[in-house]
N, C-alpha and C. Protein backbone atom coordinates (compact mmCIF):
# COMPACT_ATOMS: atom_id res chain seq x y z
N UNK A 1 0.85 -1.17 0.00
CA UNK A 1 0.00 0.00 0.00
C UNK A 1 0.90 1.24 0.00
N UNK A 2 0.53 2.22 -0.76
CA UNK A 2 1.31 3.46 -0.86
C UNK A 2 0.44 4.64 -0.44
N UNK A 3 1.00 5.47 0.43
CA UNK A 3 0.36 6.70 0.86
C UNK A 3 1.23 7.87 0.41
N UNK A 4 0.58 8.98 0.13
CA UNK A 4 1.31 10.20 -0.18
C UNK A 4 0.98 11.24 0.87
N UNK A 5 2.02 11.88 1.36
CA UNK A 5 1.87 12.91 2.39
C UNK A 5 2.49 14.20 1.87
N UNK A 6 1.82 15.30 2.15
CA UNK A 6 2.33 16.60 1.73
C UNK A 6 2.68 17.50 2.90
N UNK A 7 2.68 16.92 4.11
CA UNK A 7 3.03 17.70 5.29
C UNK A 7 3.37 16.75 6.44
N UNK A 8 4.12 17.23 7.42
CA UNK A 8 4.37 16.41 8.60
C UNK A 8 3.06 15.97 9.28
N UNK A 9 2.05 16.83 9.28
CA UNK A 9 0.77 16.49 9.91
C UNK A 9 0.10 15.32 9.18
N UNK A 10 0.18 15.30 7.85
CA UNK A 10 -0.39 14.17 7.10
C UNK A 10 0.37 12.88 7.40
N UNK A 11 1.69 12.95 7.50
CA UNK A 11 2.49 11.78 7.86
C UNK A 11 2.08 11.27 9.24
N UNK A 12 1.91 12.18 10.18
CA UNK A 12 1.47 11.85 11.53
C UNK A 12 0.12 11.14 11.49
N UNK A 13 -0.82 11.66 10.72
CA UNK A 13 -2.17 11.09 10.64
C UNK A 13 -2.17 9.70 10.00
N UNK A 14 -1.34 9.49 9.00
CA UNK A 14 -1.24 8.17 8.37
C UNK A 14 -0.79 7.15 9.41
N UNK A 15 0.24 7.49 10.18
CA UNK A 15 0.75 6.59 11.21
C UNK A 15 -0.28 6.39 12.32
N UNK A 16 -0.97 7.44 12.68
CA UNK A 16 -1.99 7.34 13.74
C UNK A 16 -3.08 6.35 13.34
N UNK A 17 -3.58 6.47 12.11
CA UNK A 17 -4.62 5.56 11.63
C UNK A 17 -4.12 4.11 11.60
N UNK A 18 -2.87 3.95 11.22
CA UNK A 18 -2.27 2.62 11.19
C UNK A 18 -2.24 2.01 12.60
N UNK A 19 -1.83 2.78 13.57
CA UNK A 19 -1.74 2.30 14.96
C UNK A 19 -3.10 2.02 15.57
N UNK A 20 -4.11 2.76 15.15
CA UNK A 20 -5.45 2.52 15.68
C UNK A 20 -5.95 1.11 15.34
N UNK A 21 -5.39 0.53 14.29
CA UNK A 21 -5.78 -0.82 13.86
C UNK A 21 -4.77 -1.88 14.29
N UNK A 22 -3.66 -1.46 14.94
CA UNK A 22 -2.60 -2.40 15.30
C UNK A 22 -3.06 -3.39 16.36
N UNK A 23 -2.55 -4.59 16.24
CA UNK A 23 -2.84 -5.66 17.18
C UNK A 23 -1.61 -5.95 18.03
N UNK A 24 -1.79 -6.59 19.18
CA UNK A 24 -0.62 -6.97 20.00
C UNK A 24 0.35 -7.81 19.17
N UNK A 25 1.63 -7.51 19.30
CA UNK A 25 2.66 -8.25 18.58
C UNK A 25 2.99 -7.69 17.21
N UNK A 26 2.35 -6.61 16.81
CA UNK A 26 2.65 -6.01 15.51
C UNK A 26 4.03 -5.37 15.54
N UNK A 27 4.83 -5.65 14.52
CA UNK A 27 6.16 -5.07 14.39
C UNK A 27 6.23 -4.29 13.09
N UNK A 28 6.61 -3.03 13.21
CA UNK A 28 6.83 -2.17 12.04
C UNK A 28 8.32 -1.91 11.93
N UNK A 29 8.86 -2.10 10.74
CA UNK A 29 10.24 -1.68 10.48
C UNK A 29 10.17 -0.40 9.68
N UNK A 30 11.01 0.55 10.03
CA UNK A 30 10.92 1.88 9.43
C UNK A 30 12.26 2.27 8.83
N UNK A 31 12.26 2.50 7.53
CA UNK A 31 13.48 2.93 6.86
C UNK A 31 13.22 4.20 6.08
N UNK A 32 14.29 4.96 5.94
CA UNK A 32 14.23 6.22 5.21
C UNK A 32 15.44 7.06 5.56
N UNK A 33 15.79 7.94 4.67
CA UNK A 33 16.94 8.81 4.90
C UNK A 33 16.73 9.72 6.10
N UNK A 34 17.81 10.32 6.56
CA UNK A 34 17.72 11.32 7.62
C UNK A 34 16.79 12.44 7.16
N UNK A 35 15.92 12.88 8.06
CA UNK A 35 15.06 14.02 7.77
C UNK A 35 13.80 13.72 6.97
N UNK A 36 13.45 12.44 6.77
CA UNK A 36 12.24 12.15 5.99
C UNK A 36 10.97 12.14 6.84
N UNK A 37 11.13 12.12 8.16
CA UNK A 37 9.94 12.14 9.01
C UNK A 37 9.73 10.88 9.82
N UNK A 38 10.79 10.14 10.08
CA UNK A 38 10.64 8.91 10.86
C UNK A 38 10.14 9.20 12.27
N UNK A 39 10.63 10.26 12.88
CA UNK A 39 10.18 10.61 14.24
C UNK A 39 8.73 11.06 14.22
N UNK A 40 8.33 11.81 13.22
CA UNK A 40 6.93 12.23 13.09
C UNK A 40 6.04 10.99 12.93
N UNK A 41 6.49 10.02 12.15
CA UNK A 41 5.75 8.78 11.97
C UNK A 41 5.62 8.06 13.31
N UNK A 42 6.70 7.98 14.07
CA UNK A 42 6.68 7.34 15.39
C UNK A 42 5.71 8.06 16.33
N UNK A 43 5.69 9.38 16.27
CA UNK A 43 4.78 10.16 17.10
C UNK A 43 3.32 9.87 16.74
N UNK A 44 3.04 9.72 15.46
CA UNK A 44 1.70 9.37 15.01
C UNK A 44 1.28 7.98 15.48
N UNK A 45 2.20 7.02 15.40
CA UNK A 45 1.91 5.68 15.91
C UNK A 45 1.56 5.73 17.39
N UNK A 46 2.38 6.44 18.15
CA UNK A 46 2.14 6.54 19.59
C UNK A 46 0.78 7.17 19.88
N UNK A 47 0.44 8.19 19.15
CA UNK A 47 -0.86 8.83 19.33
C UNK A 47 -1.99 7.86 19.04
N UNK A 48 -1.85 7.07 17.98
CA UNK A 48 -2.86 6.08 17.62
C UNK A 48 -2.99 4.97 18.65
N UNK A 49 -1.98 4.83 19.50
CA UNK A 49 -2.01 3.85 20.59
C UNK A 49 -2.44 4.50 21.92
N UNK A 50 -2.88 5.75 21.85
CA UNK A 50 -3.33 6.53 23.01
C UNK A 50 -2.21 6.81 24.01
N UNK A 51 -1.01 7.00 23.51
CA UNK A 51 0.12 7.35 24.36
C UNK A 51 0.27 8.86 24.34
N UNK A 52 0.32 9.45 25.51
CA UNK A 52 0.37 10.91 25.60
C UNK A 52 1.76 11.45 25.87
N UNK A 53 2.71 10.58 26.22
CA UNK A 53 4.09 11.03 26.46
C UNK A 53 4.69 11.65 25.21
N UNK A 54 5.68 12.50 25.42
CA UNK A 54 6.43 13.07 24.31
C UNK A 54 7.28 11.96 23.69
N UNK A 55 7.25 11.85 22.38
CA UNK A 55 7.97 10.80 21.67
C UNK A 55 9.14 11.42 20.93
N UNK A 56 10.33 10.96 21.27
CA UNK A 56 11.54 11.39 20.58
C UNK A 56 12.27 10.14 20.11
N UNK A 57 13.17 10.31 19.17
CA UNK A 57 13.93 9.17 18.69
C UNK A 57 14.90 8.70 19.77
N UNK A 58 14.88 7.39 20.09
CA UNK A 58 15.75 6.87 21.15
C UNK A 58 17.16 6.54 20.65
N UNK A 59 17.77 7.45 19.91
CA UNK A 59 19.05 7.20 19.26
C UNK A 59 20.12 6.73 20.23
N UNK A 60 20.19 7.29 21.40
CA UNK A 60 21.27 6.95 22.32
C UNK A 60 20.88 5.87 23.32
N UNK A 61 19.59 5.58 23.47
CA UNK A 61 19.15 4.54 24.39
C UNK A 61 18.75 3.26 23.68
N UNK A 62 18.68 3.28 22.39
CA UNK A 62 18.30 2.18 21.49
C UNK A 62 16.80 1.87 21.57
N UNK A 63 16.24 1.74 22.78
CA UNK A 63 14.81 1.44 22.87
C UNK A 63 14.18 2.32 23.95
N UNK A 64 13.00 2.79 23.65
CA UNK A 64 12.18 3.55 24.60
C UNK A 64 10.87 2.80 24.74
N UNK A 65 10.45 2.56 25.97
CA UNK A 65 9.23 1.79 26.23
C UNK A 65 8.16 2.72 26.78
N UNK A 66 6.96 2.63 26.20
CA UNK A 66 5.81 3.40 26.64
C UNK A 66 4.71 2.41 26.98
N UNK A 67 4.30 2.37 28.24
CA UNK A 67 3.34 1.37 28.71
C UNK A 67 1.92 1.89 28.92
N UNK A 68 1.72 3.19 28.84
CA UNK A 68 0.44 3.73 29.30
C UNK A 68 -0.66 3.76 28.25
N UNK A 69 -0.43 3.29 27.06
CA UNK A 69 -1.44 3.36 26.00
C UNK A 69 -2.33 2.14 25.92
N UNK A 70 -3.09 2.09 24.85
CA UNK A 70 -3.98 0.95 24.57
C UNK A 70 -3.18 -0.33 24.49
N UNK A 71 -1.98 -0.25 23.93
CA UNK A 71 -1.01 -1.35 23.89
C UNK A 71 0.35 -0.75 24.23
N UNK A 72 1.25 -1.53 24.81
CA UNK A 72 2.61 -1.01 25.01
C UNK A 72 3.24 -0.67 23.65
N UNK A 73 4.10 0.32 23.65
CA UNK A 73 4.78 0.76 22.44
C UNK A 73 6.28 0.68 22.70
N UNK A 74 6.97 -0.08 21.86
CA UNK A 74 8.42 -0.27 21.96
C UNK A 74 9.06 0.41 20.76
N UNK A 75 9.72 1.51 21.01
CA UNK A 75 10.29 2.33 19.94
C UNK A 75 11.81 2.16 19.91
N UNK A 76 12.29 1.51 18.87
CA UNK A 76 13.72 1.27 18.70
C UNK A 76 14.31 2.22 17.68
N UNK A 77 15.55 2.64 17.91
CA UNK A 77 16.36 3.32 16.92
C UNK A 77 17.71 2.62 16.96
N UNK A 78 17.99 1.79 15.97
CA UNK A 78 19.20 0.98 15.99
C UNK A 78 20.32 1.59 15.14
N UNK A 79 20.21 2.87 14.84
CA UNK A 79 21.20 3.55 14.01
C UNK A 79 22.61 3.44 14.58
N UNK A 80 22.73 3.50 15.90
CA UNK A 80 24.05 3.51 16.54
C UNK A 80 24.50 2.13 17.04
N UNK A 81 23.81 1.09 16.64
CA UNK A 81 24.24 -0.26 17.04
C UNK A 81 25.60 -0.54 16.41
N UNK A 82 26.59 -0.79 17.26
CA UNK A 82 27.92 -1.09 16.75
C UNK A 82 28.13 -2.56 16.50
N UNK A 83 27.44 -3.37 17.28
CA UNK A 83 27.58 -4.83 17.20
C UNK A 83 26.20 -5.43 17.45
N UNK A 84 25.83 -6.37 16.65
CA UNK A 84 24.50 -6.99 16.75
C UNK A 84 24.26 -7.57 18.14
N UNK A 85 25.32 -7.93 18.86
CA UNK A 85 25.19 -8.48 20.20
C UNK A 85 24.59 -7.47 21.19
N UNK A 86 24.68 -6.20 20.87
CA UNK A 86 24.06 -5.18 21.72
C UNK A 86 22.56 -5.39 21.82
N UNK A 87 21.97 -5.92 20.76
CA UNK A 87 20.53 -6.18 20.77
C UNK A 87 20.19 -7.29 21.77
N UNK A 88 21.06 -8.30 21.87
CA UNK A 88 20.86 -9.36 22.87
C UNK A 88 20.91 -8.78 24.28
N UNK A 89 21.84 -7.86 24.49
CA UNK A 89 22.02 -7.26 25.82
C UNK A 89 20.78 -6.52 26.30
N UNK A 90 20.02 -5.95 25.38
CA UNK A 90 18.81 -5.22 25.80
C UNK A 90 17.57 -6.11 25.77
N UNK A 91 17.74 -7.37 25.40
CA UNK A 91 16.61 -8.30 25.40
C UNK A 91 15.61 -8.01 24.31
N UNK A 92 16.09 -7.79 23.11
CA UNK A 92 15.22 -7.39 21.99
C UNK A 92 14.06 -8.35 21.76
N UNK A 93 14.29 -9.66 21.99
CA UNK A 93 13.23 -10.64 21.70
C UNK A 93 11.99 -10.41 22.56
N UNK A 94 12.19 -9.93 23.79
CA UNK A 94 11.05 -9.64 24.65
C UNK A 94 10.15 -8.57 24.04
N UNK A 95 10.73 -7.66 23.29
CA UNK A 95 9.98 -6.59 22.64
C UNK A 95 9.44 -7.05 21.28
N UNK A 96 10.30 -7.62 20.45
CA UNK A 96 9.90 -8.03 19.11
C UNK A 96 8.77 -9.05 19.14
N UNK A 97 8.77 -9.90 20.17
CA UNK A 97 7.76 -10.96 20.26
C UNK A 97 6.85 -10.77 21.47
N UNK A 98 6.75 -9.52 21.93
CA UNK A 98 5.92 -9.22 23.09
C UNK A 98 4.48 -8.91 22.74
N UNK A 99 3.77 -8.36 23.69
CA UNK A 99 2.34 -8.09 23.52
C UNK A 99 2.05 -6.66 23.10
N UNK A 100 3.10 -5.91 22.80
CA UNK A 100 2.91 -4.53 22.40
C UNK A 100 3.10 -4.34 20.91
N UNK A 101 3.27 -3.09 20.52
CA UNK A 101 3.55 -2.70 19.15
C UNK A 101 4.99 -2.22 19.11
N UNK A 102 5.73 -2.73 18.17
CA UNK A 102 7.16 -2.43 18.08
C UNK A 102 7.43 -1.65 16.80
N UNK A 103 8.19 -0.57 16.92
CA UNK A 103 8.64 0.21 15.77
C UNK A 103 10.16 0.21 15.80
N UNK A 104 10.79 -0.20 14.70
CA UNK A 104 12.24 -0.29 14.62
C UNK A 104 12.74 0.62 13.52
N UNK A 105 13.34 1.74 13.92
CA UNK A 105 13.95 2.65 12.95
C UNK A 105 15.31 2.11 12.54
N UNK A 106 15.67 2.28 11.27
CA UNK A 106 16.93 1.81 10.70
C UNK A 106 17.00 0.28 10.77
N UNK A 107 15.86 -0.38 10.60
CA UNK A 107 15.75 -1.83 10.74
C UNK A 107 16.69 -2.60 9.81
N UNK A 108 17.05 -2.02 8.69
CA UNK A 108 17.92 -2.72 7.75
C UNK A 108 19.28 -3.05 8.36
N UNK A 109 19.64 -2.36 9.44
CA UNK A 109 20.93 -2.60 10.10
C UNK A 109 20.93 -3.86 10.95
N UNK A 110 19.76 -4.39 11.25
CA UNK A 110 19.66 -5.61 12.07
C UNK A 110 18.78 -6.64 11.36
N UNK A 111 18.86 -6.68 10.07
CA UNK A 111 17.99 -7.53 9.24
C UNK A 111 17.91 -8.97 9.76
N UNK A 112 19.02 -9.53 10.19
CA UNK A 112 19.03 -10.94 10.59
C UNK A 112 18.27 -11.20 11.89
N UNK A 113 17.93 -10.16 12.63
CA UNK A 113 17.19 -10.33 13.88
C UNK A 113 15.69 -10.07 13.75
N UNK A 114 15.27 -9.55 12.63
CA UNK A 114 13.87 -9.13 12.49
C UNK A 114 12.93 -10.33 12.50
N UNK A 115 11.75 -10.15 13.10
CA UNK A 115 10.77 -11.23 13.11
C UNK A 115 10.34 -11.59 11.69
N UNK A 116 9.94 -12.83 11.49
CA UNK A 116 9.56 -13.26 10.14
C UNK A 116 8.28 -12.57 9.63
N UNK A 117 7.44 -12.13 10.56
CA UNK A 117 6.23 -11.40 10.16
C UNK A 117 6.32 -9.97 10.69
N UNK A 118 6.19 -9.03 9.76
CA UNK A 118 6.32 -7.63 10.13
C UNK A 118 5.73 -6.77 9.02
N UNK A 119 5.61 -5.49 9.30
CA UNK A 119 5.16 -4.53 8.29
C UNK A 119 6.34 -3.60 8.01
N UNK A 120 6.83 -3.63 6.79
CA UNK A 120 7.92 -2.75 6.38
C UNK A 120 7.34 -1.41 5.96
N UNK A 121 7.87 -0.34 6.55
CA UNK A 121 7.45 1.02 6.22
C UNK A 121 8.67 1.75 5.65
N UNK A 122 8.51 2.27 4.45
CA UNK A 122 9.59 3.02 3.81
C UNK A 122 9.07 4.43 3.53
N UNK A 123 9.82 5.43 4.00
CA UNK A 123 9.44 6.82 3.75
C UNK A 123 10.50 7.43 2.82
N UNK A 124 10.01 8.02 1.73
CA UNK A 124 10.92 8.60 0.74
C UNK A 124 10.48 10.02 0.40
N UNK A 125 11.48 10.87 0.13
CA UNK A 125 11.24 12.23 -0.35
C UNK A 125 11.20 12.22 -1.88
N UNK A 126 10.56 13.22 -2.44
CA UNK A 126 10.62 13.49 -3.88
C UNK A 126 10.52 15.01 -4.00
N UNK A 127 11.67 15.66 -4.05
CA UNK A 127 11.69 17.12 -4.05
C UNK A 127 10.99 17.73 -5.26
N UNK A 128 10.85 16.96 -6.33
CA UNK A 128 10.12 17.47 -7.51
C UNK A 128 8.64 17.64 -7.20
N UNK A 129 8.15 16.93 -6.18
CA UNK A 129 6.74 17.04 -5.79
C UNK A 129 6.56 17.99 -4.61
N UNK A 130 7.64 18.57 -4.13
CA UNK A 130 7.55 19.54 -3.05
C UNK A 130 8.44 19.17 -1.87
N UNK A 131 8.84 20.18 -1.12
CA UNK A 131 9.76 20.00 0.00
C UNK A 131 9.19 19.05 1.06
N UNK A 132 7.89 19.14 1.32
CA UNK A 132 7.27 18.33 2.37
C UNK A 132 6.65 17.03 1.86
N UNK A 133 6.73 16.77 0.56
CA UNK A 133 6.14 15.56 0.01
C UNK A 133 6.89 14.33 0.51
N UNK A 134 6.11 13.30 0.90
CA UNK A 134 6.67 12.01 1.29
C UNK A 134 5.84 10.89 0.68
N UNK A 135 6.51 9.90 0.16
CA UNK A 135 5.86 8.66 -0.30
C UNK A 135 6.09 7.64 0.81
N UNK A 136 5.00 7.11 1.35
CA UNK A 136 5.07 6.16 2.46
C UNK A 136 4.55 4.82 1.95
N UNK A 137 5.44 3.85 1.88
CA UNK A 137 5.09 2.53 1.36
C UNK A 137 5.03 1.53 2.51
N UNK A 138 3.91 0.81 2.60
CA UNK A 138 3.73 -0.23 3.61
C UNK A 138 3.69 -1.57 2.89
N UNK A 139 4.46 -2.53 3.41
CA UNK A 139 4.46 -3.87 2.82
C UNK A 139 4.48 -4.91 3.94
N UNK A 140 3.47 -5.77 3.94
CA UNK A 140 3.45 -6.85 4.92
C UNK A 140 4.45 -7.91 4.48
N UNK A 141 5.31 -8.31 5.42
CA UNK A 141 6.33 -9.31 5.16
C UNK A 141 5.98 -10.55 5.95
N UNK A 142 6.02 -11.69 5.32
CA UNK A 142 5.80 -12.96 5.99
C UNK A 142 6.80 -13.96 5.43
N UNK A 143 7.71 -14.38 6.29
CA UNK A 143 8.76 -15.31 5.87
C UNK A 143 8.49 -16.70 6.44
N UNK A 144 7.26 -16.97 6.81
CA UNK A 144 6.93 -18.30 7.35
C UNK A 144 7.20 -19.36 6.30
N UNK A 145 7.69 -20.48 6.79
CA UNK A 145 7.92 -21.60 5.90
C UNK A 145 9.24 -21.54 5.15
N UNK A 146 10.04 -20.53 5.39
CA UNK A 146 11.34 -20.44 4.72
C UNK A 146 12.43 -21.05 5.56
């Protein structure tokens, strides 16, 4: 599925609507260049889960946990992962296979750890369509049976 956004608010609303339909155990992987709106997307997801806390990218903590919403929200930013073993140290499996909703920014950096079922979210700019234009592509991934 492809969505087009022409403002940060539209990106926020797309993510909010997505989260309103999220089920326990849903994992979203989020990729896109710096400055495409990954944090805005994360904020929209959190809002759709009825989380009122301020949402920032957990770049230096790797994971931020929000428990007060309709479902727990586990927000990862693995941009600064130096060694895949760091993910073991934080107990990533408890989050990836938990009862909440997981969002993993820069997921391509830990591809070998990703759950076999997930929703890949790619956010891309197209400056020819405007400074704030974003193409948001959602793809359900299922690697069962492989």
